[in-house]
Amino acid sequence: MERSIEGINTRMLVKERKSMEAHGFGTRIAYATVPPTVEYSLTKKGKKLKPIVDSVYHWSMEFNY
C-alpha cells in the first residue's frame, strides 16, 4: 500500500490506518507468522464511503490537484 500512495511515509500511513480503524472504517488482522503478516480491509461502513472517495479522486484528477 505504501508504494502505491505517492508522497506518503510509513509514519503517516500507520497513523491514518489506526484512525480509520478507530472510527470503524477498517479492520486489521495480525497473523503470527515469520515475518509478521498483517491484513487490512474495509468494514461495511468503510465500503459505503468508496463511491464518495472515488468521486473526489476523479474530481481532483480533472482539476490537477
N, C-alpha and C. Protein backbone atom coordinates (compact mmCIF):
# COMPACT_ATOMS: atom_id res chain seq x y z
N MET A 1 0.83 -1.18 0.00
CA MET A 1 0.00 0.00 0.00
C MET A 1 0.88 1.25 0.00
N GLU A 2 1.92 1.23 0.80
CA GLU A 2 2.78 2.42 0.91
C GLU A 2 3.39 2.79 -0.44
N ARG A 3 3.78 1.79 -1.20
CA ARG A 3 4.39 2.06 -2.50
C ARG A 3 3.39 2.62 -3.51
N SER A 4 2.11 2.35 -3.32
CA SER A 4 1.11 2.81 -4.28
C SER A 4 0.57 4.21 -4.00
N ILE A 5 0.91 4.80 -2.84
CA ILE A 5 0.44 6.14 -2.49
C ILE A 5 1.63 7.10 -2.55
N GLU A 6 1.65 7.89 -3.59
CA GLU A 6 2.75 8.82 -3.80
C GLU A 6 2.81 9.87 -2.68
N GLY A 7 4.02 10.06 -2.14
CA GLY A 7 4.24 11.11 -1.16
C GLY A 7 3.90 10.77 0.28
N ILE A 8 3.50 9.52 0.57
CA ILE A 8 3.17 9.16 1.96
C ILE A 8 4.36 8.45 2.59
N ASN A 9 4.58 8.71 3.86
CA ASN A 9 5.65 7.98 4.56
C ASN A 9 5.01 6.96 5.50
N THR A 10 5.83 6.08 6.03
CA THR A 10 5.34 4.99 6.88
C THR A 10 4.59 5.52 8.09
N ARG A 11 5.13 6.54 8.73
CA ARG A 11 4.50 7.09 9.94
C ARG A 11 3.09 7.60 9.65
N MET A 12 2.93 8.34 8.57
CA MET A 12 1.62 8.89 8.23
C MET A 12 0.64 7.77 7.85
N LEU A 13 1.11 6.78 7.12
CA LEU A 13 0.25 5.66 6.73
C LEU A 13 -0.26 4.91 7.96
N VAL A 14 0.62 4.64 8.91
CA VAL A 14 0.23 3.94 10.14
C VAL A 14 -0.79 4.77 10.91
N LYS A 15 -0.55 6.07 11.01
CA LYS A 15 -1.47 6.97 11.72
C LYS A 15 -2.85 6.95 11.08
N GLU A 16 -2.91 7.03 9.77
CA GLU A 16 -4.20 7.04 9.06
C GLU A 16 -4.93 5.70 9.18
N ARG A 17 -4.19 4.60 9.10
CA ARG A 17 -4.83 3.28 9.25
C ARG A 17 -5.41 3.12 10.65
N LYS A 18 -4.68 3.57 11.67
CA LYS A 18 -5.19 3.49 13.05
C LYS A 18 -6.44 4.35 13.21
N SER A 19 -6.43 5.52 12.61
CA SER A 19 -7.59 6.41 12.68
C SER A 19 -8.80 5.78 12.00
N MET A 20 -8.58 5.18 10.83
CA MET A 20 -9.69 4.51 10.13
C MET A 20 -10.26 3.38 10.97
N GLU A 21 -9.39 2.62 11.61
CA GLU A 21 -9.84 1.51 12.45
C GLU A 21 -10.61 2.04 13.67
N ALA A 22 -10.10 3.10 14.28
CA ALA A 22 -10.74 3.68 15.46
C ALA A 22 -12.13 4.22 15.14
N HIS A 23 -12.34 4.70 13.92
CA HIS A 23 -13.63 5.25 13.51
C HIS A 23 -14.54 4.21 12.86
N GLY A 24 -14.08 2.95 12.80
CA GLY A 24 -14.92 1.88 12.29
C GLY A 24 -14.94 1.74 10.78
N PHE A 25 -13.96 2.34 10.08
CA PHE A 25 -13.92 2.25 8.62
C PHE A 25 -13.09 1.08 8.13
N GLY A 26 -12.23 0.54 8.97
CA GLY A 26 -11.36 -0.55 8.56
C GLY A 26 -11.07 -1.49 9.70
N THR A 27 -10.55 -2.66 9.34
CA THR A 27 -10.14 -3.66 10.33
C THR A 27 -8.71 -4.08 10.05
N ARG A 28 -8.05 -4.56 11.09
CA ARG A 28 -6.67 -5.02 11.00
C ARG A 28 -6.60 -6.40 11.62
N ILE A 29 -6.04 -7.34 10.88
CA ILE A 29 -5.85 -8.70 11.40
C ILE A 29 -4.36 -9.01 11.31
N ALA A 30 -3.75 -9.32 12.46
CA ALA A 30 -2.33 -9.67 12.52
C ALA A 30 -2.20 -11.19 12.66
N TYR A 31 -1.34 -11.77 11.84
CA TYR A 31 -1.10 -13.21 11.87
C TYR A 31 0.26 -13.48 12.49
N ALA A 32 0.33 -14.51 13.31
CA ALA A 32 1.57 -14.88 13.99
C ALA A 32 2.45 -15.69 13.04
N THR A 33 3.05 -15.01 12.08
CA THR A 33 3.94 -15.66 11.12
C THR A 33 5.30 -14.98 11.19
N VAL A 34 6.28 -15.61 10.57
CA VAL A 34 7.62 -15.02 10.48
C VAL A 34 7.94 -14.87 9.00
N PRO A 35 8.11 -13.66 8.52
CA PRO A 35 7.92 -12.37 9.17
C PRO A 35 6.43 -12.13 9.45
N PRO A 36 6.13 -11.19 10.36
CA PRO A 36 4.73 -10.91 10.70
C PRO A 36 3.92 -10.50 9.46
N THR A 37 2.71 -10.97 9.39
CA THR A 37 1.81 -10.64 8.29
C THR A 37 0.61 -9.92 8.87
N VAL A 38 0.21 -8.82 8.22
CA VAL A 38 -0.94 -8.05 8.66
C VAL A 38 -1.85 -7.84 7.46
N GLU A 39 -3.14 -8.01 7.69
CA GLU A 39 -4.13 -7.84 6.63
C GLU A 39 -5.09 -6.73 7.02
N TYR A 40 -5.30 -5.78 6.11
CA TYR A 40 -6.23 -4.69 6.34
C TYR A 40 -7.39 -4.83 5.39
N SER A 41 -8.58 -4.46 5.87
CA SER A 41 -9.75 -4.48 4.98
C SER A 41 -10.75 -3.42 5.43
N LEU A 42 -11.62 -3.05 4.51
CA LEU A 42 -12.66 -2.08 4.84
C LEU A 42 -13.83 -2.79 5.50
N THR A 43 -14.45 -2.13 6.44
CA THR A 43 -15.68 -2.63 7.04
C THR A 43 -16.84 -2.25 6.12
N LYS A 44 -18.04 -2.66 6.47
CA LYS A 44 -19.22 -2.27 5.70
C LYS A 44 -19.34 -0.74 5.65
N LYS A 45 -19.07 -0.12 6.79
CA LYS A 45 -19.11 1.35 6.88
C LYS A 45 -18.07 1.97 5.94
N GLY A 46 -16.88 1.41 5.89
CA GLY A 46 -15.83 1.91 5.01
C GLY A 46 -16.16 1.73 3.54
N LYS A 47 -16.77 0.59 3.21
CA LYS A 47 -17.15 0.33 1.82
C LYS A 47 -18.22 1.29 1.32
N LYS A 48 -19.07 1.77 2.23
CA LYS A 48 -20.11 2.73 1.84
C LYS A 48 -19.50 4.07 1.42
N LEU A 49 -18.28 4.37 1.87
CA LEU A 49 -17.61 5.62 1.50
C LEU A 49 -16.91 5.56 0.15
N LYS A 50 -16.70 4.36 -0.38
CA LYS A 50 -15.93 4.20 -1.61
C LYS A 50 -16.44 5.06 -2.77
N PRO A 51 -17.73 5.09 -3.07
CA PRO A 51 -18.19 5.94 -4.18
C PRO A 51 -17.88 7.42 -3.97
N ILE A 52 -17.93 7.87 -2.74
CA ILE A 52 -17.64 9.27 -2.43
C ILE A 52 -16.16 9.55 -2.64
N VAL A 53 -15.31 8.68 -2.12
CA VAL A 53 -13.87 8.85 -2.27
C VAL A 53 -13.48 8.78 -3.75
N ASP A 54 -14.06 7.85 -4.48
CA ASP A 54 -13.79 7.75 -5.92
C ASP A 54 -14.19 9.02 -6.65
N SER A 55 -15.32 9.56 -6.29
CA SER A 55 -15.81 10.78 -6.92
C SER A 55 -14.86 11.96 -6.65
N VAL A 56 -14.41 12.12 -5.42
CA VAL A 56 -13.47 13.19 -5.08
C VAL A 56 -12.14 12.98 -5.81
N TYR A 57 -11.70 11.73 -5.90
CA TYR A 57 -10.47 11.42 -6.62
C TYR A 57 -10.57 11.84 -8.08
N HIS A 58 -11.66 11.47 -8.74
CA HIS A 58 -11.83 11.81 -10.16
C HIS A 58 -11.93 13.32 -10.35
N TRP A 59 -12.59 14.00 -9.43
CA TRP A 59 -12.67 15.45 -9.49
C TRP A 59 -11.27 16.06 -9.39
N SER A 60 -10.47 15.56 -8.45
CA SER A 60 -9.12 16.10 -8.25
C SER A 60 -8.24 15.85 -9.46
N MET A 61 -8.42 14.72 -10.14
CA MET A 61 -7.64 14.43 -11.33
C MET A 61 -8.03 15.38 -12.46
N GLU A 62 -9.30 15.69 -12.56
CA GLU A 62 -9.79 16.58 -13.61
C GLU A 62 -9.20 17.99 -13.46
N PHE A 63 -9.03 18.43 -12.22
CA PHE A 63 -8.54 19.79 -11.97
C PHE A 63 -7.08 19.81 -11.47
N ASN A 64 -6.37 18.69 -11.68
CA ASN A 64 -4.92 18.59 -11.38
C ASN A 64 -4.55 18.90 -9.94
N TYR A 65 -5.30 18.37 -8.99
CA TYR A 65 -4.96 18.55 -7.58
C TYR A 65 -4.13 17.41 -7.09
